Amino acid sequence: MRVSHEVEVSQVRELGRRRAARDAAAADAAMAALISAARSSENMIPPMIAAASAEVTLGEICGALRAEWGGYAEAPAF
């Protein structure tokens, strides 16, 4: 599947518009709660839902968790 450059530009523009329109304080608080849950044994689902409800993007959520826990790459086995 190929996505045209125009679609990419449109999606980036829409993402920027949504980030600018969201409540930055609510998004920051939701991300802080998510990171706090990631550092504990707390259930991660409620903070993830709260972050999504605060217009935090999936990329931002994944980036925060990757920064906290690191990335995973399966070792090749032959």
PDB file of N, CA and C in Angstrom:
ATOM      1  N   MET A   1       0.844  -1.176   0.000  1.00  0.00           N
ATOM      2  CA  MET A   1       0.000   0.000   0.000  1.00  0.00           C
ATOM      3  C   MET A   1       0.889   1.238   0.000  1.00  0.00           C
ATOM      4  N   ARG A   2       0.550   2.151  -0.833  1.00  0.00           N
ATOM      5  CA  ARG A   2       1.292   3.410  -0.883  1.00  0.00           C
ATOM      6  C   ARG A   2       0.371   4.562  -0.509  1.00  0.00           C
ATOM      7  N   VAL A   3       0.904   5.455   0.279  1.00  0.00           N
ATOM      8  CA  VAL A   3       0.158   6.635   0.686  1.00  0.00           C
ATOM      9  C   VAL A   3       0.791   7.829  -0.015  1.00  0.00           C
ATOM     10  N   SER A   4      -0.050   8.637  -0.619  1.00  0.00           N
ATOM     11  CA  SER A   4       0.470   9.782  -1.365  1.00  0.00           C
ATOM     12  C   SER A   4       1.051  10.830  -0.412  1.00  0.00           C
ATOM     13  N   HIS A   5       1.907  11.645  -0.952  1.00  0.00           N
ATOM     14  CA  HIS A   5       2.529  12.715  -0.178  1.00  0.00           C
ATOM     15  C   HIS A   5       1.470  13.701   0.325  1.00  0.00           C
ATOM     16  N   GLU A   6       0.440  13.929  -0.474  1.00  0.00           N
ATOM     17  CA  GLU A   6      -0.622  14.856  -0.070  1.00  0.00           C
ATOM     18  C   GLU A   6      -1.349  14.362   1.175  1.00  0.00           C
ATOM     19  N   VAL A   7      -1.557  13.046   1.260  1.00  0.00           N
ATOM     20  CA  VAL A   7      -2.210  12.479   2.440  1.00  0.00           C
ATOM     21  C   VAL A   7      -1.312  12.658   3.656  1.00  0.00           C
ATOM     22  N   GLU A   8      -0.030  12.419   3.493  1.00  0.00           N
ATOM     23  CA  GLU A   8       0.914  12.607   4.598  1.00  0.00           C
ATOM     24  C   GLU A   8       0.890  14.051   5.087  1.00  0.00           C
ATOM     25  N   VAL A   9       0.948  14.994   4.166  1.00  0.00           N
ATOM     26  CA  VAL A   9       0.937  16.415   4.530  1.00  0.00           C
ATOM     27  C   VAL A   9      -0.361  16.763   5.255  1.00  0.00           C
ATOM     28  N   SER A  10      -1.471  16.245   4.749  1.00  0.00           N
ATOM     29  CA  SER A  10      -2.774  16.500   5.373  1.00  0.00           C
ATOM     30  C   SER A  10      -2.832  15.943   6.789  1.00  0.00           C
ATOM     31  N   GLN A  11      -2.328  14.738   6.982  1.00  0.00           N
ATOM     32  CA  GLN A  11      -2.344  14.116   8.305  1.00  0.00           C
ATOM     33  C   GLN A  11      -1.443  14.856   9.289  1.00  0.00           C
ATOM     34  N   VAL A  12      -0.285  15.286   8.851  1.00  0.00           N
ATOM     35  CA  VAL A  12       0.626  16.046   9.714  1.00  0.00           C
ATOM     36  C   VAL A  12      -0.015  17.377  10.107  1.00  0.00           C
ATOM     37  N   ARG A  13      -0.679  18.004   9.158  1.00  0.00           N
ATOM     38  CA  ARG A  13      -1.368  19.274   9.436  1.00  0.00           C
ATOM     39  C   ARG A  13      -2.480  19.057  10.462  1.00  0.00           C
ATOM     40  N   GLU A  14      -3.265  17.991  10.286  1.00  0.00           N
ATOM     41  CA  GLU A  14      -4.357  17.690  11.213  1.00  0.00           C
ATOM     42  C   GLU A  14      -3.820  17.369  12.605  1.00  0.00           C
ATOM     43  N   LEU A  15      -2.729  16.626  12.685  1.00  0.00           N
ATOM     44  CA  LEU A  15      -2.112  16.315  13.972  1.00  0.00           C
ATOM     45  C   LEU A  15      -1.661  17.598  14.666  1.00  0.00           C
ATOM     46  N   GLY A  16      -1.037  18.490  13.940  1.00  0.00           N
ATOM     47  CA  GLY A  16      -0.620  19.764  14.521  1.00  0.00           C
ATOM     48  C   GLY A  16      -1.797  20.588  15.015  1.00  0.00           C
ATOM     49  N   ARG A  17      -2.884  20.583  14.245  1.00  0.00           N
ATOM     50  CA  ARG A  17      -4.081  21.323  14.634  1.00  0.00           C
ATOM     51  C   ARG A  17      -4.671  20.746  15.917  1.00  0.00           C
ATOM     52  N   ARG A  18      -4.729  19.417  16.001  1.00  0.00           N
ATOM     53  CA  ARG A  18      -5.299  18.786  17.195  1.00  0.00           C
ATOM     54  C   ARG A  18      -4.421  19.014  18.417  1.00  0.00           C
ATOM     55  N   ARG A  19      -3.108  18.955  18.241  1.00  0.00           N
ATOM     56  CA  ARG A  19      -2.209  19.210  19.382  1.00  0.00           C
ATOM     57  C   ARG A  19      -2.343  20.647  19.861  1.00  0.00           C
ATOM     58  N   ALA A  20      -2.486  21.590  18.932  1.00  0.00           N
ATOM     59  CA  ALA A  20      -2.620  22.998  19.306  1.00  0.00           C
ATOM     60  C   ALA A  20      -3.950  23.263  20.018  1.00  0.00           C
ATOM     61  N   ALA A  21      -4.993  22.518  19.659  1.00  0.00           N
ATOM     62  CA  ALA A  21      -6.321  22.747  20.221  1.00  0.00           C
ATOM     63  C   ALA A  21      -6.536  22.036  21.555  1.00  0.00           C
ATOM     64  N   ARG A  22      -5.703  21.051  21.888  1.00  0.00           N
ATOM     65  CA  ARG A  22      -5.938  20.304  23.120  1.00  0.00           C
ATOM     66  C   ARG A  22      -5.524  21.129  24.344  1.00  0.00           C
ATOM     67  N   ASP A  23      -6.036  20.730  25.487  1.00  0.00           N
ATOM     68  CA  ASP A  23      -5.677  21.344  26.761  1.00  0.00           C
ATOM     69  C   ASP A  23      -4.300  20.815  27.154  1.00  0.00           C
ATOM     70  N   ALA A  24      -3.276  21.639  27.000  1.00  0.00           N
ATOM     71  CA  ALA A  24      -1.900  21.203  27.232  1.00  0.00           C
ATOM     72  C   ALA A  24      -1.681  20.764  28.682  1.00  0.00           C
ATOM     73  N   ALA A  25      -2.301  21.456  29.620  1.00  0.00           N
ATOM     74  CA  ALA A  25      -2.132  21.089  31.028  1.00  0.00           C
ATOM     75  C   ALA A  25      -2.739  19.713  31.304  1.00  0.00           C
ATOM     76  N   ALA A  26      -3.896  19.435  30.722  1.00  0.00           N
ATOM     77  CA  ALA A  26      -4.536  18.129  30.907  1.00  0.00           C
ATOM     78  C   ALA A  26      -3.711  17.027  30.250  1.00  0.00           C
ATOM     79  N   ALA A  27      -3.162  17.306  29.070  1.00  0.00           N
ATOM     80  CA  ALA A  27      -2.322  16.317  28.382  1.00  0.00           C
ATOM     81  C   ALA A  27      -1.052  16.046  29.182  1.00  0.00           C
ATOM     82  N   ASP A  28      -0.438  17.089  29.711  1.00  0.00           N
ATOM     83  CA  ASP A  28       0.774  16.917  30.513  1.00  0.00           C
ATOM     84  C   ASP A  28       0.482  16.132  31.798  1.00  0.00           C
ATOM     85  N   ALA A  29      -0.641  16.437  32.437  1.00  0.00           N
ATOM     86  CA  ALA A  29      -1.011  15.723  33.664  1.00  0.00           C
ATOM     87  C   ALA A  29      -1.296  14.248  33.363  1.00  0.00           C
ATOM     88  N   ALA A  30      -1.957  13.987  32.241  1.00  0.00           N
ATOM     89  CA  ALA A  30      -2.244  12.605  31.859  1.00  0.00           C
ATOM     90  C   ALA A  30      -0.957  11.843  31.570  1.00  0.00           C
ATOM     91  N   MET A  31      -0.011  12.496  30.915  1.00  0.00           N
ATOM     92  CA  MET A  31       1.277  11.844  30.638  1.00  0.00           C
ATOM     93  C   MET A  31       2.050  11.593  31.925  1.00  0.00           C
ATOM     94  N   ALA A  32       2.003  12.529  32.858  1.00  0.00           N
ATOM     95  CA  ALA A  32       2.683  12.342  34.144  1.00  0.00           C
ATOM     96  C   ALA A  32       2.072  11.158  34.894  1.00  0.00           C
ATOM     97  N   ALA A  33       0.745  11.029  34.860  1.00  0.00           N
ATOM     98  CA  ALA A  33       0.081   9.905  35.517  1.00  0.00           C
ATOM     99  C   ALA A  33       0.450   8.589  34.841  1.00  0.00           C
ATOM    100  N   LEU A  34       0.560   8.614  33.526  1.00  0.00           N
ATOM    101  CA  LEU A  34       0.942   7.417  32.782  1.00  0.00           C
ATOM    102  C   LEU A  34       2.360   6.986  33.141  1.00  0.00           C
ATOM    103  N   ILE A  35       3.275   7.922  33.198  1.00  0.00           N
ATOM    104  CA  ILE A  35       4.658   7.609  33.540  1.00  0.00           C
ATOM    105  C   ILE A  35       4.756   7.120  34.988  1.00  0.00           C
ATOM    106  N   SER A  36       3.988   7.730  35.866  1.00  0.00           N
ATOM    107  CA  SER A  36       3.959   7.286  37.262  1.00  0.00           C
ATOM    108  C   SER A  36       3.466   5.846  37.364  1.00  0.00           C
ATOM    109  N   ALA A  37       2.440   5.511  36.607  1.00  0.00           N
ATOM    110  CA  ALA A  37       1.924   4.137  36.601  1.00  0.00           C
ATOM    111  C   ALA A  37       2.952   3.177  36.019  1.00  0.00           C
ATOM    112  N   ALA A  38       3.683   3.634  35.007  1.00  0.00           N
ATOM    113  CA  ALA A  38       4.699   2.781  34.387  1.00  0.00           C
ATOM    114  C   ALA A  38       5.835   2.473  35.360  1.00  0.00           C
ATOM    115  N   ARG A  39       6.075   3.362  36.291  1.00  0.00           N
ATOM    116  CA  ARG A  39       7.151   3.170  37.264  1.00  0.00           C
ATOM    117  C   ARG A  39       6.712   2.339  38.471  1.00  0.00           C
ATOM    118  N   SER A  40       5.442   1.960  38.500  1.00  0.00           N
ATOM    119  CA  SER A  40       4.915   1.190  39.625  1.00  0.00           C
ATOM    120  C   SER A  40       4.285  -0.093  39.091  1.00  0.00           C
ATOM    121  N   SER A  41       3.600  -0.786  39.960  1.00  0.00           N
ATOM    122  CA  SER A  41       2.893  -2.000  39.533  1.00  0.00           C
ATOM    123  C   SER A  41       1.418  -1.696  39.267  1.00  0.00           C
ATOM    124  N   GLU A  42       1.095  -0.411  39.178  1.00  0.00           N
ATOM    125  CA  GLU A  42      -0.276   0.045  38.933  1.00  0.00           C
ATOM    126  C   GLU A  42      -0.777  -0.411  37.559  1.00  0.00           C
ATOM    127  N   ASN A  43      -2.072  -0.608  37.444  1.00  0.00           N
ATOM    128  CA  ASN A  43      -2.706  -0.949  36.183  1.00  0.00           C
ATOM    129  C   ASN A  43      -2.491   0.200  35.187  1.00  0.00           C
ATOM    130  N   MET A  44      -1.962  -0.096  34.009  1.00  0.00           N
ATOM    131  CA  MET A  44      -1.637   0.929  33.014  1.00  0.00           C
ATOM    132  C   MET A  44      -2.836   1.371  32.177  1.00  0.00           C
ATOM    133  N   ILE A  45      -3.895   0.566  32.132  1.00  0.00           N
ATOM    134  CA  ILE A  45      -5.003   0.863  31.230  1.00  0.00           C
ATOM    135  C   ILE A  45      -5.730   2.167  31.584  1.00  0.00           C
ATOM    136  N   PRO A  46      -6.136   2.403  32.834  1.00  0.00           N
ATOM    137  CA  PRO A  46      -6.820   3.673  33.122  1.00  0.00           C
ATOM    138  C   PRO A  46      -5.989   4.920  32.762  1.00  0.00           C
ATOM    139  N   PRO A  47      -4.682   4.976  33.098  1.00  0.00           N
ATOM    140  CA  PRO A  47      -3.919   6.155  32.687  1.00  0.00           C
ATOM    141  C   PRO A  47      -3.780   6.277  31.163  1.00  0.00           C
ATOM    142  N   MET A  48      -3.720   5.150  30.452  1.00  0.00           N
ATOM    143  CA  MET A  48      -3.653   5.214  28.990  1.00  0.00           C
ATOM    144  C   MET A  48      -4.947   5.767  28.409  1.00  0.00           C
ATOM    145  N   ILE A  49      -6.073   5.324  28.942  1.00  0.00           N
ATOM    146  CA  ILE A  49      -7.361   5.834  28.472  1.00  0.00           C
ATOM    147  C   ILE A  49      -7.491   7.314  28.785  1.00  0.00           C
ATOM    148  N   ALA A  50      -7.061   7.719  29.981  1.00  0.00           N
ATOM    149  CA  ALA A  50      -7.111   9.137  30.347  1.00  0.00           C
ATOM    150  C   ALA A  50      -6.220   9.966  29.425  1.00  0.00           C
ATOM    151  N   ALA A  51      -5.051   9.440  29.081  1.00  0.00           N
ATOM    152  CA  ALA A  51      -4.153  10.156  28.165  1.00  0.00           C
ATOM    153  C   ALA A  51      -4.793  10.294  26.785  1.00  0.00           C
ATOM    154  N   ALA A  52      -5.384   9.223  26.287  1.00  0.00           N
ATOM    155  CA  ALA A  52      -6.052   9.292  24.982  1.00  0.00           C
ATOM    156  C   ALA A  52      -7.219  10.273  25.024  1.00  0.00           C
ATOM    157  N   SER A  53      -7.953  10.295  26.130  1.00  0.00           N
ATOM    158  CA  SER A  53      -9.070  11.236  26.278  1.00  0.00           C
ATOM    159  C   SER A  53      -8.588  12.676  26.327  1.00  0.00           C
ATOM    160  N   ALA A  54      -7.359  12.889  26.789  1.00  0.00           N
ATOM    161  CA  ALA A  54      -6.772  14.232  26.845  1.00  0.00           C
ATOM    162  C   ALA A  54      -6.089  14.600  25.529  1.00  0.00           C
ATOM    163  N   GLU A  55      -6.343  13.801  24.473  1.00  0.00           N
ATOM    164  CA  GLU A  55      -5.799  14.051  23.128  1.00  0.00           C
ATOM    165  C   GLU A  55      -4.292  13.809  23.030  1.00  0.00           C
ATOM    166  N   VAL A  56      -3.730  13.014  23.942  1.00  0.00           N
ATOM    167  CA  VAL A  56      -2.334  12.603  23.820  1.00  0.00           C
ATOM    168  C   VAL A  56      -2.280  11.575  22.695  1.00  0.00           C
ATOM    169  N   THR A  57      -1.323  11.699  21.806  1.00  0.00           N
ATOM    170  CA  THR A  57      -1.267  10.792  20.659  1.00  0.00           C
ATOM    171  C   THR A  57      -0.657   9.449  21.040  1.00  0.00           C
ATOM    172  N   LEU A  58      -0.937   8.454  20.227  1.00  0.00           N
ATOM    173  CA  LEU A  58      -0.355   7.133  20.440  1.00  0.00           C
ATOM    174  C   LEU A  58       1.168   7.210  20.369  1.00  0.00           C
ATOM    175  N   GLY A  59       1.687   8.019  19.468  1.00  0.00           N
ATOM    176  CA  GLY A  59       3.136   8.193  19.365  1.00  0.00           C
ATOM    177  C   GLY A  59       3.735   8.786  20.629  1.00  0.00           C
ATOM    178  N   GLU A  60       3.043   9.743  21.232  1.00  0.00           N
ATOM    179  CA  GLU A  60       3.529  10.334  22.479  1.00  0.00           C
ATOM    180  C   GLU A  60       3.487   9.321  23.622  1.00  0.00           C
ATOM    181  N   ILE A  61       2.409   8.532  23.683  1.00  0.00           N
ATOM    182  CA  ILE A  61       2.296   7.505  24.723  1.00  0.00           C
ATOM    183  C   ILE A  61       3.409   6.470  24.562  1.00  0.00           C
ATOM    184  N   CYS A  62       3.570   5.965  23.346  1.00  0.00           N
ATOM    185  CA  CYS A  62       4.601   4.953  23.094  1.00  0.00           C
ATOM    186  C   CYS A  62       5.996   5.514  23.334  1.00  0.00           C
ATOM    187  N   GLY A  63       6.221   6.755  22.957  1.00  0.00           N
ATOM    188  CA  GLY A  63       7.527   7.383  23.176  1.00  0.00           C
ATOM    189  C   GLY A  63       7.858   7.507  24.653  1.00  0.00           C
ATOM    190  N   ALA A  64       6.861   7.869  25.460  1.00  0.00           N
ATOM    191  CA  ALA A  64       7.087   7.990  26.904  1.00  0.00           C
ATOM    192  C   ALA A  64       7.399   6.631  27.515  1.00  0.00           C
ATOM    193  N   LEU A  65       6.671   5.603  27.082  1.00  0.00           N
ATOM    194  CA  LEU A  65       6.924   4.265  27.624  1.00  0.00           C
ATOM    195  C   LEU A  65       8.263   3.723  27.138  1.00  0.00           C
ATOM    196  N   ARG A  66       8.620   4.025  25.908  1.00  0.00           N
ATOM    197  CA  ARG A  66       9.924   3.599  25.381  1.00  0.00           C
ATOM    198  C   ARG A  66      11.045   4.304  26.144  1.00  0.00           C
ATOM    199  N   ALA A  67      10.853   5.580  26.459  1.00  0.00           N
ATOM    200  CA  ALA A  67      11.866   6.316  27.224  1.00  0.00           C
ATOM    201  C   ALA A  67      12.002   5.750  28.639  1.00  0.00           C
ATOM    202  N   GLU A  68      10.895   5.288  29.194  1.00  0.00           N
ATOM    203  CA  GLU A  68      10.910   4.742  30.556  1.00  0.00           C
ATOM    204  C   GLU A  68      11.475   3.325  30.602  1.00  0.00           C
ATOM    205  N   TRP A  69      11.041   2.480  29.692  1.00  0.00           N
ATOM    206  CA  TRP A  69      11.395   1.068  29.735  1.00  0.00           C
ATOM    207  C   TRP A  69      12.435   0.657  28.702  1.00  0.00           C
ATOM    208  N   GLY A  70      12.681   1.489  27.711  1.00  0.00           N
ATOM    209  CA  GLY A  70      13.571   1.112  26.621  1.00  0.00           C
ATOM    210  C   GLY A  70      12.800   0.377  25.531  1.00  0.00           C
ATOM    211  N   GLY A  71      13.456   0.165  24.431  1.00  0.00           N
ATOM    212  CA  GLY A  71      12.825  -0.533  23.314  1.00  0.00           C
ATOM    213  C   GLY A  71      13.077  -2.023  23.390  1.00  0.00           C
ATOM    214  N   TYR A  72      12.343  -2.763  22.599  1.00  0.00           N
ATOM    215  CA  TYR A  72      12.512  -4.211  22.555  1.00  0.00           C
ATOM    216  C   TYR A  72      12.773  -4.619  21.129  1.00  0.00           C
ATOM    217  N   ALA A  73      13.757  -5.430  20.951  1.00  0.00           N
ATOM    218  CA  ALA A  73      14.042  -6.030  19.642  1.00  0.00           C
ATOM    219  C   ALA A  73      14.342  -7.501  19.885  1.00  0.00           C
ATOM    220  N   GLU A  74      13.585  -8.339  19.246  1.00  0.00           N
ATOM    221  CA  GLU A  74      13.777  -9.776  19.408  1.00  0.00           C
ATOM    222  C   GLU A  74      15.101 -10.180  18.795  1.00  0.00           C
ATOM    223  N   ALA A  75      15.855 -10.980  19.535  1.00  0.00           N
ATOM    224  CA  ALA A  75      17.144 -11.455  19.015  1.00  0.00           C
ATOM    225  C   ALA A  75      16.881 -12.453  17.893  1.00  0.00           C
ATOM    226  N   PRO A  76      17.562 -12.305  16.783  1.00  0.00           N
ATOM    227  CA  PRO A  76      17.345 -13.257  15.683  1.00  0.00           C
ATOM    228  C   PRO A  76      17.831 -14.646  16.084  1.00  0.00           C
ATOM    229  N   ALA A  77      17.046 -15.626  15.707  1.00  0.00           N
ATOM    230  CA  ALA A  77      17.404 -17.014  15.989  1.00  0.00           C
ATOM    231  C   ALA A  77      17.380 -17.786  14.680  1.00  0.00           C
ATOM    232  N   PHE A  78      18.453 -18.461  14.391  1.00  0.00           N
ATOM    233  CA  PHE A  78      18.539 -19.214  13.141  1.00  0.00           C
ATOM    234  C   PHE A  78      18.656 -20.679  13.415  1.00  0.00           C
TER     235      PHE A  78
END
